[in-house]
Amino acid sequence: MLKANPVGAGLTVKAVKDFGRAISSLWEHDLNSRLRNEALSEAQKAWFQARADGSWPDSFDANSEALLQEHLRALSTLHTKESKFALRDTAASDMEGPRLHLLVDTFLPIADVCVRQPRALIS
C-alpha cells in the first residue's frame, strides 16, 4: 500500500523502488497522506475496541497514534538488510518485532478499501 499509492498518484516505479525497504520514509511521503490519515483513524478505532473488549493484552498507556507510529518505525528498522531480523527471509535473531495486533487491525480494513477502490486513498 505504501508503495502503490505514490505510483498511483504519478510517481515513477523507479522512484518508488529507490525507497527500498524504508517503511518510515514511505509512511511520511506526502503522496501517502490520505492513507496515513485513514490508518491513524483505523488505529484509533481498533485501539478503543480492544480496550473495551480486552482482545489485546496491552496496558493501553500510550495513545493509538503514538503506538502505530512506533510500530511502523520498528518495522522500518527491522526491514533493513542490516537488522538480520526475519521479516522476509529466514534468519536467526535475538531482535523482537512489534506486536502485530494493532498493525493487523489497522491495515486490514485499509487493504480492503485499496482492493475495492484502488484510487480511494491516493493523495
N, C-alpha and C. Protein backbone atom coordinates (compact mmCIF):
# COMPACT_ATOMS: atom_id res chain seq x y z
N MET A 1 0.82 -1.19 0.00
CA MET A 1 0.00 0.00 0.00
C MET A 1 0.87 1.26 0.00
N LEU A 2 1.93 1.23 0.80
CA LEU A 2 2.77 2.42 0.91
C LEU A 2 3.53 2.72 -0.37
N LYS A 3 3.73 1.71 -1.21
CA LYS A 3 4.38 1.93 -2.50
C LYS A 3 3.36 2.12 -3.61
N ALA A 4 2.21 1.49 -3.51
CA ALA A 4 1.20 1.56 -4.56
C ALA A 4 0.60 2.96 -4.67
N ASN A 5 0.36 3.61 -3.55
CA ASN A 5 -0.25 4.94 -3.59
C ASN A 5 0.60 5.96 -4.34
N PRO A 6 1.89 6.08 -4.04
CA PRO A 6 2.70 7.05 -4.79
C PRO A 6 2.76 6.73 -6.30
N VAL A 7 2.80 5.45 -6.64
CA VAL A 7 2.78 5.08 -8.06
C VAL A 7 1.44 5.47 -8.68
N GLY A 8 0.36 5.18 -7.98
CA GLY A 8 -0.97 5.54 -8.47
C GLY A 8 -1.15 7.04 -8.61
N ALA A 9 -0.41 7.81 -7.81
CA ALA A 9 -0.50 9.27 -7.87
C ALA A 9 0.46 9.87 -8.89
N GLY A 10 1.23 9.02 -9.58
CA GLY A 10 2.07 9.53 -10.65
C GLY A 10 3.57 9.42 -10.44
N LEU A 11 4.02 9.01 -9.27
CA LEU A 11 5.45 8.82 -9.04
C LEU A 11 5.90 7.61 -9.86
N THR A 12 7.07 7.67 -10.44
CA THR A 12 7.53 6.55 -11.27
C THR A 12 7.83 5.33 -10.40
N VAL A 13 7.74 4.17 -11.00
CA VAL A 13 8.05 2.93 -10.29
C VAL A 13 9.51 2.97 -9.82
N LYS A 14 10.40 3.48 -10.66
CA LYS A 14 11.81 3.58 -10.27
C LYS A 14 11.97 4.46 -9.03
N ALA A 15 11.29 5.58 -8.99
CA ALA A 15 11.38 6.48 -7.84
C ALA A 15 10.89 5.78 -6.57
N VAL A 16 9.84 5.00 -6.69
CA VAL A 16 9.31 4.28 -5.52
C VAL A 16 10.27 3.16 -5.13
N LYS A 17 10.85 2.48 -6.12
CA LYS A 17 11.82 1.42 -5.81
C LYS A 17 13.03 1.98 -5.08
N ASP A 18 13.37 3.23 -5.35
CA ASP A 18 14.51 3.85 -4.68
C ASP A 18 14.31 3.96 -3.17
N PHE A 19 13.07 3.91 -2.71
CA PHE A 19 12.81 3.90 -1.28
C PHE A 19 13.28 2.60 -0.64
N GLY A 20 13.36 1.55 -1.46
CA GLY A 20 13.78 0.25 -0.93
C GLY A 20 12.81 -0.23 0.13
N ARG A 21 13.36 -0.56 1.27
CA ARG A 21 12.55 -1.08 2.38
C ARG A 21 12.30 -0.02 3.46
N ALA A 22 12.42 1.23 3.09
CA ALA A 22 12.29 2.33 4.05
C ALA A 22 10.82 2.62 4.35
N ILE A 23 10.22 1.80 5.18
CA ILE A 23 8.81 1.92 5.52
C ILE A 23 8.51 3.30 6.11
N SER A 24 9.36 3.78 6.99
CA SER A 24 9.12 5.09 7.61
C SER A 24 9.09 6.21 6.58
N SER A 25 10.00 6.18 5.63
CA SER A 25 10.04 7.22 4.60
C SER A 25 8.79 7.16 3.72
N LEU A 26 8.36 5.96 3.39
CA LEU A 26 7.14 5.81 2.60
C LEU A 26 5.93 6.28 3.39
N TRP A 27 5.88 5.93 4.66
CA TRP A 27 4.78 6.33 5.54
C TRP A 27 4.66 7.85 5.58
N GLU A 28 5.77 8.55 5.65
CA GLU A 28 5.78 10.01 5.77
C GLU A 28 5.64 10.73 4.42
N HIS A 29 5.72 10.00 3.31
CA HIS A 29 5.68 10.65 2.00
C HIS A 29 4.34 11.38 1.81
N ASP A 30 4.42 12.58 1.23
CA ASP A 30 3.22 13.40 1.01
C ASP A 30 2.13 12.66 0.23
N LEU A 31 2.53 11.82 -0.72
CA LEU A 31 1.54 11.10 -1.52
C LEU A 31 0.82 10.00 -0.74
N ASN A 32 1.25 9.74 0.48
CA ASN A 32 0.56 8.78 1.34
C ASN A 32 -0.23 9.46 2.45
N SER A 33 -0.47 10.76 2.32
CA SER A 33 -1.15 11.47 3.41
C SER A 33 -2.57 10.96 3.65
N ARG A 34 -3.32 10.69 2.62
CA ARG A 34 -4.70 10.17 2.82
C ARG A 34 -4.66 8.78 3.43
N LEU A 35 -3.77 7.94 2.96
CA LEU A 35 -3.63 6.60 3.53
C LEU A 35 -3.20 6.72 5.00
N ARG A 36 -2.25 7.59 5.27
CA ARG A 36 -1.76 7.78 6.64
C ARG A 36 -2.90 8.25 7.56
N ASN A 37 -3.68 9.22 7.11
CA ASN A 37 -4.80 9.71 7.91
C ASN A 37 -5.83 8.62 8.16
N GLU A 38 -6.10 7.83 7.13
CA GLU A 38 -7.06 6.71 7.29
C GLU A 38 -6.51 5.68 8.28
N ALA A 39 -5.21 5.40 8.18
CA ALA A 39 -4.60 4.43 9.09
C ALA A 39 -4.65 4.92 10.53
N LEU A 40 -4.38 6.18 10.75
CA LEU A 40 -4.44 6.72 12.11
C LEU A 40 -5.86 6.66 12.66
N SER A 41 -6.85 6.89 11.82
CA SER A 41 -8.25 6.78 12.22
C SER A 41 -8.61 5.32 12.56
N GLU A 42 -8.20 4.40 11.69
CA GLU A 42 -8.47 2.97 11.93
C GLU A 42 -7.76 2.48 13.19
N ALA A 43 -6.54 2.96 13.41
CA ALA A 43 -5.80 2.57 14.61
C ALA A 43 -6.54 3.00 15.87
N GLN A 44 -7.09 4.20 15.83
CA GLN A 44 -7.83 4.69 16.99
C GLN A 44 -9.08 3.84 17.23
N LYS A 45 -9.80 3.51 16.16
CA LYS A 45 -10.99 2.65 16.30
C LYS A 45 -10.60 1.30 16.89
N ALA A 46 -9.56 0.69 16.34
CA ALA A 46 -9.11 -0.63 16.82
C ALA A 46 -8.66 -0.56 18.27
N TRP A 47 -7.95 0.51 18.61
CA TRP A 47 -7.45 0.71 19.97
C TRP A 47 -8.59 0.79 20.98
N PHE A 48 -9.60 1.62 20.68
CA PHE A 48 -10.73 1.75 21.60
C PHE A 48 -11.53 0.46 21.70
N GLN A 49 -11.68 -0.23 20.57
CA GLN A 49 -12.41 -1.51 20.59
C GLN A 49 -11.67 -2.54 21.45
N ALA A 50 -10.37 -2.64 21.26
CA ALA A 50 -9.58 -3.61 22.02
C ALA A 50 -9.55 -3.27 23.51
N ARG A 51 -9.50 -1.99 23.81
CA ARG A 51 -9.51 -1.58 25.22
C ARG A 51 -10.86 -1.93 25.85
N ALA A 52 -11.94 -1.77 25.08
CA ALA A 52 -13.28 -2.06 25.60
C ALA A 52 -13.52 -3.55 25.79
N ASP A 53 -13.03 -4.35 24.83
CA ASP A 53 -13.35 -5.79 24.92
C ASP A 53 -12.20 -6.65 25.43
N GLY A 54 -11.03 -6.04 25.68
CA GLY A 54 -9.91 -6.79 26.24
C GLY A 54 -9.27 -7.77 25.28
N SER A 55 -9.44 -7.54 23.97
CA SER A 55 -8.92 -8.51 22.99
C SER A 55 -7.41 -8.44 22.79
N TRP A 56 -6.77 -7.39 23.28
CA TRP A 56 -5.30 -7.29 23.20
C TRP A 56 -4.74 -7.31 24.62
N PRO A 57 -3.61 -7.94 24.80
CA PRO A 57 -3.01 -7.97 26.15
C PRO A 57 -2.14 -6.74 26.42
N ASP A 58 -2.68 -5.56 26.18
CA ASP A 58 -1.93 -4.31 26.34
C ASP A 58 -2.39 -3.58 27.59
N SER A 59 -1.54 -2.65 28.03
CA SER A 59 -1.90 -1.84 29.18
C SER A 59 -2.64 -0.57 28.76
N PHE A 60 -2.58 -0.23 27.47
CA PHE A 60 -3.28 0.94 26.91
C PHE A 60 -2.81 2.24 27.55
N ASP A 61 -1.52 2.30 27.88
CA ASP A 61 -0.95 3.52 28.45
C ASP A 61 -0.69 4.57 27.37
N ALA A 62 -0.19 4.15 26.22
CA ALA A 62 0.12 5.08 25.13
C ALA A 62 -1.15 5.35 24.33
N ASN A 63 -1.08 6.34 23.44
CA ASN A 63 -2.24 6.54 22.58
C ASN A 63 -2.04 5.77 21.28
N SER A 64 -3.10 5.54 20.56
CA SER A 64 -3.06 4.69 19.38
C SER A 64 -2.14 5.25 18.30
N GLU A 65 -2.16 6.56 18.09
CA GLU A 65 -1.33 7.16 17.05
C GLU A 65 0.15 6.97 17.37
N ALA A 66 0.53 7.23 18.60
CA ALA A 66 1.93 7.08 19.00
C ALA A 66 2.38 5.63 18.87
N LEU A 67 1.54 4.71 19.28
CA LEU A 67 1.90 3.29 19.21
C LEU A 67 2.01 2.82 17.76
N LEU A 68 1.07 3.24 16.90
CA LEU A 68 1.14 2.85 15.50
C LEU A 68 2.43 3.38 14.87
N GLN A 69 2.75 4.62 15.12
CA GLN A 69 3.97 5.19 14.54
C GLN A 69 5.21 4.51 15.11
N GLU A 70 5.20 4.16 16.37
CA GLU A 70 6.31 3.43 16.98
C GLU A 70 6.48 2.07 16.30
N HIS A 71 5.37 1.37 16.07
CA HIS A 71 5.42 0.06 15.41
C HIS A 71 5.95 0.19 13.98
N LEU A 72 5.52 1.20 13.27
CA LEU A 72 5.99 1.39 11.90
C LEU A 72 7.48 1.74 11.85
N ARG A 73 7.95 2.53 12.80
CA ARG A 73 9.39 2.82 12.87
C ARG A 73 10.17 1.55 13.16
N ALA A 74 9.65 0.72 14.07
CA ALA A 74 10.32 -0.54 14.40
C ALA A 74 10.36 -1.45 13.18
N LEU A 75 9.24 -1.55 12.47
CA LEU A 75 9.22 -2.37 11.25
C LEU A 75 10.20 -1.84 10.22
N SER A 76 10.28 -0.54 10.09
CA SER A 76 11.20 0.07 9.13
C SER A 76 12.64 -0.32 9.48
N THR A 77 12.98 -0.25 10.74
CA THR A 77 14.32 -0.63 11.18
C THR A 77 14.56 -2.12 10.96
N LEU A 78 13.59 -2.93 11.31
CA LEU A 78 13.76 -4.38 11.20
C LEU A 78 13.74 -4.87 9.76
N HIS A 79 13.21 -4.07 8.86
CA HIS A 79 13.06 -4.49 7.47
C HIS A 79 14.32 -4.22 6.64
N THR A 80 15.36 -3.70 7.25
CA THR A 80 16.60 -3.47 6.52
C THR A 80 17.44 -4.75 6.51
N LYS A 81 18.33 -4.84 5.56
CA LYS A 81 19.22 -6.00 5.47
C LYS A 81 20.13 -6.07 6.68
N GLU A 82 20.47 -4.90 7.24
CA GLU A 82 21.40 -4.85 8.36
C GLU A 82 20.82 -5.41 9.66
N SER A 83 19.51 -5.47 9.79
CA SER A 83 18.91 -5.86 11.07
C SER A 83 19.04 -7.35 11.35
N LYS A 84 19.16 -8.18 10.34
CA LYS A 84 19.21 -9.63 10.48
C LYS A 84 17.95 -10.18 11.14
N PHE A 85 16.85 -9.45 11.01
CA PHE A 85 15.56 -9.88 11.54
C PHE A 85 14.77 -10.51 10.42
N ALA A 86 14.08 -11.59 10.68
CA ALA A 86 13.43 -12.38 9.64
C ALA A 86 12.05 -11.85 9.28
N LEU A 87 11.99 -10.70 8.62
CA LEU A 87 10.70 -10.23 8.11
C LEU A 87 10.43 -10.83 6.74
N ARG A 88 11.48 -11.00 5.95
CA ARG A 88 11.32 -11.53 4.60
C ARG A 88 12.00 -12.88 4.43
N ASP A 89 13.11 -13.08 5.07
CA ASP A 89 13.90 -14.29 4.89
C ASP A 89 14.15 -14.92 6.25
N THR A 90 14.37 -16.23 6.25
CA THR A 90 14.65 -16.92 7.49
C THR A 90 16.02 -16.50 8.01
N ALA A 91 16.06 -16.11 9.26
CA ALA A 91 17.32 -15.70 9.88
C ALA A 91 17.20 -15.84 11.39
N ALA A 92 18.30 -16.20 12.01
CA ALA A 92 18.32 -16.25 13.47
C ALA A 92 18.58 -14.84 13.99
N SER A 93 17.82 -14.44 14.98
CA SER A 93 17.99 -13.10 15.51
C SER A 93 17.47 -13.05 16.94
N ASP A 94 18.12 -12.23 17.74
CA ASP A 94 17.63 -12.02 19.10
C ASP A 94 16.77 -10.76 19.17
N MET A 95 16.52 -10.15 18.02
CA MET A 95 15.68 -8.95 17.97
C MET A 95 14.21 -9.33 18.07
N GLU A 96 13.42 -8.42 18.56
CA GLU A 96 11.99 -8.66 18.70
C GLU A 96 11.22 -7.62 17.89
N GLY A 97 10.23 -8.08 17.16
CA GLY A 97 9.42 -7.18 16.36
C GLY A 97 8.26 -6.63 17.16
N PRO A 98 7.59 -5.63 16.60
CA PRO A 98 6.42 -5.07 17.28
C PRO A 98 5.28 -6.08 17.30
N ARG A 99 4.42 -5.93 18.29
CA ARG A 99 3.24 -6.81 18.35
C ARG A 99 2.34 -6.47 17.18
N LEU A 100 1.78 -7.48 16.56
CA LEU A 100 1.08 -7.28 15.30
C LEU A 100 -0.39 -6.90 15.42
N HIS A 101 -1.00 -7.05 16.56
CA HIS A 101 -2.45 -6.83 16.64
C HIS A 101 -2.87 -5.44 16.17
N LEU A 102 -2.17 -4.39 16.57
CA LEU A 102 -2.54 -3.05 16.14
C LEU A 102 -2.32 -2.89 14.64
N LEU A 103 -1.21 -3.41 14.13
CA LEU A 103 -0.92 -3.30 12.70
C LEU A 103 -1.98 -4.03 11.87
N VAL A 104 -2.32 -5.23 12.27
CA VAL A 104 -3.32 -6.01 11.53
C VAL A 104 -4.69 -5.35 11.60
N ASP A 105 -5.11 -4.97 12.80
CA ASP A 105 -6.44 -4.37 12.96
C ASP A 105 -6.53 -2.99 12.31
N THR A 106 -5.40 -2.34 12.09
CA THR A 106 -5.38 -1.05 11.42
C THR A 106 -5.37 -1.21 9.90
N PHE A 107 -4.48 -2.05 9.40
CA PHE A 107 -4.25 -2.09 7.96
C PHE A 107 -5.14 -3.09 7.20
N LEU A 108 -5.75 -4.04 7.87
CA LEU A 108 -6.65 -4.97 7.17
C LEU A 108 -7.84 -4.25 6.56
N PRO A 109 -8.55 -3.38 7.30
CA PRO A 109 -9.66 -2.65 6.66
C PRO A 109 -9.19 -1.71 5.55
N ILE A 110 -8.00 -1.15 5.72
CA ILE A 110 -7.46 -0.25 4.69
C ILE A 110 -7.10 -1.04 3.44
N ALA A 111 -6.54 -2.22 3.61
CA ALA A 111 -6.23 -3.07 2.45
C ALA A 111 -7.50 -3.41 1.70
N ASP A 112 -8.58 -3.66 2.43
CA ASP A 112 -9.86 -3.95 1.79
C ASP A 112 -10.32 -2.76 0.94
N VAL A 113 -10.20 -1.56 1.47
CA VAL A 113 -10.56 -0.36 0.70
C VAL A 113 -9.69 -0.26 -0.55
N CYS A 114 -8.39 -0.49 -0.39
CA CYS A 114 -7.46 -0.38 -1.53
C CYS A 114 -7.75 -1.40 -2.62
N VAL A 115 -8.21 -2.58 -2.23
CA VAL A 115 -8.57 -3.61 -3.21
C VAL A 115 -9.87 -3.24 -3.92
N ARG A 116 -10.85 -2.81 -3.16
CA ARG A 116 -12.16 -2.49 -3.74
C ARG A 116 -12.18 -1.17 -4.51
N GLN A 117 -11.41 -0.20 -4.03
CA GLN A 117 -11.37 1.14 -4.66
C GLN A 117 -9.90 1.58 -4.71
N PRO A 118 -9.14 1.08 -5.67
CA PRO A 118 -7.69 1.30 -5.70
C PRO A 118 -7.25 2.75 -5.62
N ARG A 119 -8.05 3.69 -6.04
CA ARG A 119 -7.63 5.09 -6.03
C ARG A 119 -8.22 5.87 -4.82
N ALA A 120 -8.93 5.20 -3.97
CA ALA A 120 -9.64 5.87 -2.86
C ALA A 120 -8.73 6.62 -1.90
N LEU A 121 -7.52 6.10 -1.64
CA LEU A 121 -6.65 6.72 -0.66
C LEU A 121 -5.42 7.37 -1.28
N ILE A 122 -5.48 7.62 -2.57
CA ILE A 122 -4.37 8.27 -3.25
C ILE A 122 -4.50 9.78 -3.06
N SER A 123 -3.42 10.40 -2.64
CA SER A 123 -3.40 11.85 -2.41
C SER A 123 -3.26 12.58 -3.72
